[in-house]
Amino acid sequence: MDDLSVAAQWVQAAQRIVVLTGAGISTDSGIPDFRGPNGVWTKNPAAEKASTLQHYLEDPELRKLAWRNRLTSTTWEAQPNVAHHSLVELERRGQLLALVTQNIDELHQRAGHDPAKVIEVHGTMRWSRCWGCNDRRPMQSVLDRVRAGEEDPPCELCGGILKSDTISFGQALVPEVIEAALAAAERCDLLVAAGSSLSVFPAANVVPRAKSAGAKVIIANGEPTKMDRFADRLLLGPLSETIPALCANPD
């Protein structure tokens, strides 16, 4: 029996599945990754600089560029793809303990996941947050102000600097979010890591944490990852093929 068939049987038998997803699961939705050949930062180094908290807070011109880039982001039109929808089946069958994602696009929720099941370790681009008073609002309401002529819109409550509610380089992760992700990994009986290079920490720690707690580990990705040594089954190939096959309803 091949690795995919064995892995699919494990998914069908599991009772507490945790899924970890990275940028690779959203590329089929038209969202480029960051560091690949066609990645956002590969093509636009200034965008990577704007993702560093210190530069963003200190440079008004960089913030203006960041707001212009947010206006034209293709992510606003992106829709969940077959891999996103397939993972929802695990929740519908009552098998999904948690979905831990490194993505900021909210496509898992748009595919139908209960937001309470989704742990966003790097935040979400669909909300803004004030660096001064912590006020949080839908991103589109701020983008409307940019369209109306505000190049670097300040917080309407305190006048502070606004940024997307994502984790920038140099910004501390939210401890409660990371703790929730690792706690889920310790409780699962099967971990599926999909579309992640598993090189960004602490999110990648869910793989060895689940393994050490006794869970089986399936890694599905387009290319080898930093954590392949932990995989009980390694599935290399397009996620649009492997994830639907993994999550298919048993005959």
Foldseek 3Di string as FASTA:
>chain_A
DDLLVVLLVVLQPWQEEEEEEEPQQQVVLVQADAPDPPHPCNVPVLQLVCLAVVSVQPDLVSLLVVLVCVLPDPLVVGAHDLLLLLVVLCVVVNRYQAYEYCDQSCNNVRSPDDVVRYQHFFYHQQWKAFPPPGDIDGPVVVSVVVVVPDSFDADPPPRGGMDGGGRGHVRDTDVVSLVVLLVSLLPTQEYEYEADLLPDPDNSVSLVSNLVSNHAYEYEHQDHHPPVVSHPGYHHDRSSPSSNSSRPDDD
